[in-house]
Every structure is written in C-alpha cells, then in structure tokens.
Protein backbone atom coordinates (compact mmCIF):
# COMPACT_ATOMS: atom_id res chain seq x y z
CA MET A 1 0.00 0.00 0.00
CA TYR A 2 1.35 3.40 -1.02
CA MET A 3 1.29 6.53 1.06
CA ILE A 4 0.69 9.43 -1.33
CA ILE A 5 1.91 12.79 -0.04
CA LEU A 6 0.29 15.79 -1.74
CA ALA A 7 3.03 18.40 -2.00
CA ALA A 8 2.32 20.33 -5.21
CA GLY A 9 1.01 23.65 -3.89
CA GLN A 10 3.02 26.84 -3.49
CA GLY A 11 1.98 27.62 0.06
CA SER A 12 1.75 31.38 -0.43
CA ARG A 13 0.44 31.90 3.13
CA LEU A 14 3.84 30.70 4.37
CA SER A 15 5.73 33.41 2.50
CA PRO A 16 8.58 34.32 2.79
CA TYR A 17 9.52 30.75 3.80
CA THR A 18 8.03 29.36 0.59
CA ASP A 19 9.36 32.04 -1.75
CA LYS A 20 12.30 29.80 -2.68
CA LEU A 21 11.21 26.42 -1.31
CA PRO A 22 8.25 24.08 -1.71
CA LYS A 23 6.03 24.04 1.35
CA CYS A 24 7.00 20.48 2.31
CA LEU A 25 10.65 21.55 2.63
CA VAL A 26 9.94 24.20 5.24
CA GLU A 27 11.59 23.14 8.50
CA VAL A 28 10.10 22.60 11.93
CA SER A 29 12.76 22.26 14.61
CA GLY A 30 15.47 21.71 12.00
CA LYS A 31 13.66 19.00 10.03
CA THR A 32 11.58 19.44 6.88
CA LEU A 33 7.87 18.63 6.90
CA LEU A 34 8.58 15.91 4.35
CA ASP A 35 11.27 14.38 6.57
CA TRP A 36 8.88 14.38 9.54
CA GLN A 37 6.29 12.51 7.48
CA LEU A 38 8.75 10.01 6.02
CA GLN A 39 10.13 9.27 9.48
CA THR A 40 6.65 8.54 10.82
CA ALA A 41 5.78 6.40 7.79
CA ARG A 42 8.96 4.32 8.15
CA GLN A 43 8.25 3.81 11.86
CA SER A 44 4.92 2.29 10.83
CA ASN A 45 6.65 0.07 8.23
CA ILE A 46 5.29 1.95 5.23
CA ARG A 47 7.93 1.56 2.54
CA ASP A 48 6.10 2.58 -0.63
CA ILE A 49 5.80 6.36 -0.61
CA ALA A 50 4.85 8.63 -3.48
CA VAL A 51 5.17 12.41 -3.48
CA VAL A 52 3.21 14.54 -5.92
CA ARG A 53 5.33 17.57 -6.72
CA GLY A 54 4.40 20.83 -8.42
CA TYR A 55 5.79 24.16 -7.25
CA MET A 56 9.61 24.11 -7.43
CA ALA A 57 9.43 20.36 -8.05
CA SER A 58 13.15 19.85 -8.64
CA ALA A 59 13.94 20.95 -5.07
CA ILE A 60 12.24 17.79 -3.78
CA ASP A 61 14.82 15.22 -4.79
CA ARG A 62 15.03 12.41 -2.25
CA SER A 63 15.97 9.09 -3.81
CA ASP A 64 13.83 6.90 -1.53
CA VAL A 65 10.38 7.91 -2.81
CA THR A 66 8.43 7.72 -6.07
CA TYR A 67 7.58 11.03 -7.72
CA PHE A 68 4.61 12.24 -9.70
CA GLU A 69 4.22 15.71 -11.16
CA ASN A 70 1.26 18.06 -11.18
CA LEU A 71 2.33 20.38 -13.97
CA ASP A 72 -0.89 22.37 -13.54
CA TYR A 73 -0.41 22.89 -9.79
CA ALA A 74 -1.09 26.64 -10.07
CA ASP A 75 -4.56 26.07 -11.54
CA THR A 76 -5.69 22.92 -9.73
CA ASN A 77 -6.30 21.75 -6.19
CA MET A 78 -5.92 18.66 -4.00
CA VAL A 79 -8.10 16.21 -5.94
CA GLU A 80 -6.29 16.77 -9.22
CA THR A 81 -2.96 16.59 -7.40
CA LEU A 82 -3.98 13.23 -5.94
CA TRP A 83 -5.05 11.96 -9.36
CA CYS A 84 -1.54 12.50 -10.70
CA ALA A 85 -0.65 9.42 -8.61
CA SER A 86 -3.72 7.36 -9.53
CA SER A 87 -1.54 4.66 -11.10
CA VAL A 88 -0.53 3.53 -7.59
CA PHE A 89 -4.02 3.51 -6.05
CA ASN A 90 -4.18 -0.26 -6.62
CA GLU A 91 -6.35 -1.94 -3.96
CA GLY A 92 -5.61 0.63 -1.30
CA PHE A 93 -3.57 3.72 -0.40
CA ILE A 94 -3.06 6.42 2.22
CA VAL A 95 -3.33 10.13 1.44
CA SER A 96 -1.44 12.70 3.47
CA TYR A 97 -1.36 16.43 2.92
CA GLY A 98 2.19 17.72 2.60
CA ASP A 99 1.82 20.48 5.19
CA ILE A 100 1.02 18.38 8.26
CA ILE A 101 3.13 16.44 10.74
CA TYR A 102 1.80 13.86 13.16
CA GLU A 103 2.98 11.36 15.71
CA GLN A 104 3.16 7.66 14.93
CA CYS A 105 0.10 6.98 17.10
CA VAL A 106 -2.01 9.00 14.65
CA LEU A 107 -0.86 6.99 11.65
CA GLU A 108 -1.26 3.73 13.55
CA ALA A 109 -4.84 4.67 14.45
CA LEU A 110 -5.56 5.13 10.75
CA LEU A 111 -3.85 1.88 9.75
CA SER A 112 -5.85 -0.05 12.35
CA SER A 113 -9.16 0.94 10.74
CA SER A 114 -10.85 -1.82 8.74
CA ALA A 115 -13.22 0.57 6.93
CA ALA A 116 -13.14 0.98 3.16
CA ILE A 117 -12.67 4.73 3.62
CA SER A 118 -11.17 6.10 6.84
CA VAL A 119 -10.59 9.77 7.65
CA VAL A 120 -8.58 11.01 10.64
CA VAL A 121 -10.53 13.53 12.73
CA ASP A 122 -9.20 15.57 15.67
CA THR A 123 -11.94 15.72 18.31
CA CYS A 124 -9.89 18.08 20.51
CA TRP A 125 -9.45 20.67 17.77
CA LYS A 126 -10.85 23.77 19.48
CA ASP A 127 -7.90 24.64 21.74
CA TYR A 128 -5.55 24.30 18.79
CA TRP A 129 -7.73 26.50 16.56
CA GLU A 130 -7.81 29.15 19.30
CA GLN A 131 -4.01 29.24 19.15
CA ARG A 132 -4.07 29.57 15.36
CA PHE A 133 -6.95 31.96 14.67
CA ASP A 134 -8.55 35.01 16.27
CA ASN A 135 -11.95 33.50 15.47
CA VAL A 136 -12.09 29.68 15.54
CA MET A 137 -15.12 29.67 13.23
CA SER A 138 -13.30 31.62 10.51
CA ASP A 139 -11.30 28.61 9.28
CA ALA A 140 -13.25 25.71 10.80
CA GLU A 141 -15.32 23.36 8.65
CA THR A 142 -18.25 21.11 9.42
CA LEU A 143 -17.61 17.58 10.51
CA GLU A 144 -20.74 15.83 11.66
CA SER A 145 -21.05 12.12 12.28
CA ASN A 146 -23.68 9.45 12.69
CA SER A 147 -24.06 7.22 15.75
CA ASP A 148 -21.91 4.54 14.10
CA GLY A 149 -18.98 6.92 13.61
CA THR A 150 -19.51 7.44 9.89
CA ILE A 151 -19.33 10.99 8.60
CA SER A 152 -22.50 12.78 7.50
CA SER A 153 -21.04 16.21 6.71
CA ILE A 154 -17.49 17.32 6.00
CA GLY A 155 -15.83 20.46 4.69
CA GLN A 156 -18.87 22.72 4.62
CA LYS A 157 -19.08 26.20 6.15
CA PRO A 158 -20.58 25.78 9.63
CA ASP A 159 -23.44 27.93 10.88
CA HIS A 160 -22.68 27.11 14.50
CA ILE A 161 -20.08 25.22 16.49
CA ASP A 162 -22.40 22.28 17.15
CA GLN A 163 -21.80 21.27 13.52
CA ILE A 164 -18.14 20.63 14.30
CA ASN A 165 -17.62 17.29 16.05
CA GLY A 166 -13.95 17.43 15.11
CA GLN A 167 -11.61 18.72 12.43
CA TYR A 168 -10.35 16.93 9.34
CA ILE A 169 -6.55 16.96 9.39
CA GLY A 170 -5.70 15.87 5.83
CA LEU A 171 -4.88 12.21 6.48
CA MET A 172 -7.04 9.36 5.16
CA MET A 173 -7.02 5.84 3.73
CA PHE A 174 -8.93 4.15 0.91
CA ARG A 175 -9.05 0.41 0.36
CA GLY A 176 -11.00 -2.10 -1.71
CA SER A 177 -14.50 -0.84 -2.45
CA GLY A 178 -13.49 2.57 -1.07
CA VAL A 179 -11.03 3.02 -3.94
CA GLN A 180 -13.80 2.20 -6.40
CA ALA A 181 -16.21 4.61 -4.69
CA LEU A 182 -13.60 7.37 -4.94
CA ARG A 183 -12.97 6.68 -8.63
CA GLN A 184 -16.70 6.64 -9.39
CA VAL A 185 -17.41 9.96 -7.68
CA TYR A 186 -14.39 11.51 -9.42
CA GLU A 187 -15.55 10.35 -12.85
CA ASN A 188 -19.12 11.47 -12.19
CA ALA A 189 -17.86 14.90 -11.12
CA LYS A 190 -15.85 15.19 -14.33
CA LEU A 191 -18.87 14.22 -16.45
CA SER A 192 -21.07 16.69 -14.60
CA GLU A 193 -18.80 19.59 -15.51
CA LEU A 194 -18.52 18.41 -19.11
CA SER A 195 -22.32 18.58 -19.30
CA GLY A 196 -22.26 22.20 -18.16
CA HIS A 197 -22.81 21.86 -14.41
CA LEU A 198 -20.53 22.54 -11.46
CA PRO A 199 -19.71 19.13 -9.97
CA LEU A 200 -20.88 17.64 -6.70
CA ARG A 201 -22.53 20.33 -4.53
CA GLY A 202 -21.72 23.05 -7.03
CA GLN A 203 -19.21 24.97 -4.94
CA ARG A 204 -16.14 24.74 -7.19
CA THR A 205 -15.04 23.79 -10.68
CA PHE A 206 -13.77 20.27 -11.23
CA ARG A 207 -10.11 21.32 -11.37
CA GLN A 208 -10.46 23.24 -8.09
CA LEU A 209 -12.11 20.46 -6.06
CA TYR A 210 -10.90 19.97 -2.49
CA MET A 211 -10.51 16.52 -0.96
CA THR A 212 -13.36 17.37 1.40
CA ASP A 213 -15.56 18.06 -1.65
CA ILE A 214 -15.01 14.57 -2.99
CA LEU A 215 -15.37 12.99 0.46
CA GLN A 216 -18.72 14.76 0.85
CA GLY A 217 -19.61 13.56 -2.63
CA ILE A 218 -18.92 9.98 -1.55
CA VAL A 219 -21.01 10.48 1.61
CA ASP A 220 -23.85 11.84 -0.54
CA THR A 221 -23.93 8.58 -2.52
CA GLY A 222 -24.58 6.68 0.71
CA PHE A 223 -21.16 5.02 0.81
CA PRO A 224 -19.85 4.98 4.41
CA VAL A 225 -16.88 7.18 5.26
CA GLN A 226 -15.57 6.25 8.70
CA GLN A 227 -13.98 8.77 11.03
CA VAL A 228 -10.84 7.80 12.95
CA PRO A 229 -10.92 10.01 16.06
CA ILE A 230 -7.74 11.33 17.63
CA LYS A 231 -6.96 13.84 20.36
CA ARG A 232 -4.29 16.19 19.01
CA SER A 233 -0.78 14.79 18.33
CA TRP A 234 -0.59 16.54 14.96
CA LEU A 235 0.20 19.99 13.56
CA GLU A 236 -0.68 21.86 10.38
CA ILE A 237 1.81 24.34 8.96
CA ASP A 238 -0.21 26.54 6.62
CA THR A 239 0.75 30.03 7.80
CA VAL A 240 3.68 31.80 9.44
CA THR A 241 1.73 31.72 12.72
CA ASP A 242 1.36 27.94 12.33
CA LEU A 243 5.09 27.58 11.76
CA GLU A 244 5.98 29.61 14.83
CA LEU A 245 3.52 27.60 16.92
CA ALA A 246 4.79 24.28 15.54
CA ASN A 247 8.35 25.14 16.52
CA LYS A 248 7.20 25.98 20.04
CA VAL A 249 5.31 22.69 20.33
CA VAL A 250 8.10 20.50 18.95
CA ASN A 251 10.75 22.29 21.00
CA GLY A 252 8.70 21.76 24.15
CA SER A 253 7.79 25.33 25.07
CA SER A 254 4.08 24.86 24.29
CA LYS A 255 2.94 21.61 25.88
CA GLN A 256 -0.76 22.43 25.98
CA LEU A 257 -1.31 21.38 22.37
CA VAL A 258 0.10 17.88 22.67
CA VAL A 259 -2.39 15.28 23.90
CA ASP A 260 -2.06 11.54 23.55
CA ALA A 261 -4.07 10.09 20.66
C-alpha cells in the first residue's frame, strides 16, 4: 500500500519561507515537513511512498520515494494533485497532505481501521484552533457524524459550532470498495462539468475540487466514510503563525497542544 503525499502547492500563506522552497521543505525544529512525514511512515513500516510535486518540483529530490508531477499545480487543487498518482491507487492507499506532521500513534490509528474509507478527525481541535486563529469559526469546517462513527457532513461552512464534532486533518485511507467509490465519484464529477454543471454540490469547478468536496460527494452517494478520532498529536503548517507555533510545540515550550491520541 502506497502513502501518497500531496506536495504540489506553493503555500503562499507561508511566504517568505516558501518564496524559494516548496512548502513540504519548510523546517520545523530543524527537520523538513517531508522528513517528519517520512520518518513517521517508516516507523509504521510503510515503505512505498509517493510524493506529488508541483511548485519548485526539482527541489524535492530524495531518492527513496516515487515522484509524480502536477504540472498544472497553479490552476488545480488537492483532488487533481492526488489523481496525478492514480496509477498507484491499486487496492488501497493512504493520502497525506504535505503540510502536516503527526505522531506515529495517529498513523497507527488510521492503519488499524478496517473501513473501506477512513478519515482522521481531531476531536480536541478547538484549543488548537484558538491558538491559530482570532476566530475559531473563521477557518473551521463542518464535521458531523452518525451514531456509528460514519461521517455525514465534512468540509462545509458551519453555521454554528455544534456542527463541528472534530476537524479533518488531511490524512485518510482508501481500500477495496473505497477506492472504487472514490474513482466513481471523481468520474461522475468530471462528467457533470462536461455537461455544463458545477460538480458535486456546485461549490467549485472540477479542477479546483478539495478533498473534502469529494469525500462529501462519496457520503452523498450513501457510501460509508468512517472517522478515525484522535486527540491532538498533529500539527498543520499553513501560515507563518502555524510555523511559529509548531516550533514551540516540537521544542517543548508549548505543551498544551500535545495530547495523547
């Protein structure tokens, strides 16, 4: 099973750190985001790793991973970046955003799921969001679940905080029938736009689809998408504030954000 790391975007909100480097090569505590992820993957015995490059692709040149290129990275989003690596989907794969780092316990929780589609969800997100944003609702997205732990809503703009049972972190796994469900929703979305309609819930063009758009599209077909709940033990590095906070956490001066998964 491949882990596919999505690392094509420019990361303009991390400027000036990303002016001359891809986002995944920004360092937290002296180690690049990509190195953090590869270390965690190796600890969990994941050997097959693919990285989808785009912005400043040649700077990402490790010899121990497989590379795919999103040549249209400036005009596309996560779903199209993922599809650049569709040749290694096979019967199952893991997807990881390139701007997150997480402890091994988070990855192990995902790997232990037997669901066809599993999505890691941080149920202790609020304290972290308060550290990152002046208004936690400004960047938060819906994540509502059913009594069996399957997701009913993901990635929508919430009207109130009760619609947020947790936050999607950008780490998920597809296997077996889940891979087929993903492919089917992707193809249907493409056909919808070709027929003159915005795909899925009509929020974005096909080339600009987010992963949460396609996950919601799968949910809307009735196919179960299982949440894998964690309690912190991960970090997103999307802005300069995030980077400063991540360095404090990893260097031990901000313990309040680290909770066992």
